[in-house]
Amino acid sequence: MAQGRLDSAGIESFLADTNMARVDWPLTRGMRLQVESADVATAMELLAQPDNPDLTSDPQ
């Protein structure tokens, strides 16, 4: 899902360690989502935002 969010924002990304996740399962340490160094700050800011702000906002 994170890679899809970055792709839709025009940030190229790469999932590393996908094969290791399959080998280690169920003890998976996860995969690494990598972006170009120039895109790191933007990617981190984008991924820190809620998936759907309408669902996480205060319903008052």
Protein backbone atom coordinates (compact mmCIF):
# COMPACT_ATOMS: atom_id res chain seq x y z
CA MET A 1 0.00 0.00 0.00
CA ALA A 2 2.83 2.39 0.80
CA GLN A 3 4.40 1.81 -2.60
CA GLY A 4 1.05 2.55 -4.26
CA ARG A 5 0.76 5.85 -2.39
CA LEU A 6 4.24 6.85 -3.53
CA ASP A 7 3.55 5.78 -7.11
CA SER A 8 0.35 7.83 -7.22
CA ALA A 9 2.33 10.86 -6.03
CA GLY A 10 4.89 10.35 -8.81
CA ILE A 11 7.66 9.07 -6.53
CA GLU A 12 9.48 6.02 -7.87
CA SER A 13 10.10 3.34 -5.27
CA PHE A 14 11.53 -0.15 -5.03
CA LEU A 15 10.64 -2.98 -2.65
CA ALA A 16 13.81 -4.66 -1.44
CA ASP A 17 14.05 -8.00 0.37
CA THR A 18 10.77 -9.37 -1.01
CA ASN A 19 12.34 -12.80 -1.52
CA MET A 20 13.76 -12.85 2.01
CA ALA A 21 10.30 -12.11 3.43
CA ARG A 22 9.04 -15.32 1.83
CA VAL A 23 11.99 -17.38 3.11
CA ASP A 24 11.82 -16.16 6.71
CA TRP A 25 8.04 -16.28 7.09
CA PRO A 26 6.52 -16.31 9.71
CA LEU A 27 9.54 -14.68 11.28
CA THR A 28 9.58 -11.96 8.65
CA ARG A 29 11.44 -8.81 9.46
CA GLY A 30 9.64 -7.08 6.64
CA MET A 31 10.66 -5.52 3.40
CA ARG A 32 12.40 -2.24 2.69
CA LEU A 33 10.71 0.41 0.59
CA GLN A 34 13.45 2.43 -1.06
CA VAL A 35 13.26 5.76 -2.87
CA GLU A 36 15.82 8.06 -4.45
CA SER A 37 17.67 10.17 -1.89
CA ALA A 38 16.17 13.35 -3.39
CA ASP A 39 12.65 12.00 -2.66
CA VAL A 40 13.18 10.79 0.92
CA ALA A 41 11.73 13.82 2.74
CA THR A 42 8.69 14.02 0.48
CA ALA A 43 8.07 10.27 0.69
CA MET A 44 8.32 10.24 4.48
CA GLU A 45 5.94 13.20 4.77
CA LEU A 46 3.44 11.55 2.42
CA LEU A 47 3.58 8.20 4.23
CA ALA A 48 3.19 9.89 7.64
CA GLN A 49 -0.22 11.25 6.60
CA PRO A 50 -3.34 9.20 7.37
CA ASP A 51 -4.58 6.99 4.54
CA ASN A 52 -7.98 8.66 4.52
CA PRO A 53 -8.17 11.97 6.40
CA ASP A 54 -12.00 11.84 6.34
CA LEU A 55 -11.96 8.65 8.42
CA THR A 56 -9.44 9.85 10.98
CA SER A 57 -10.75 13.36 11.59
CA ASP A 58 -12.90 14.30 14.59
CA PRO A 59 -16.56 13.73 13.59
CA GLN A 60 -17.90 16.77 15.50
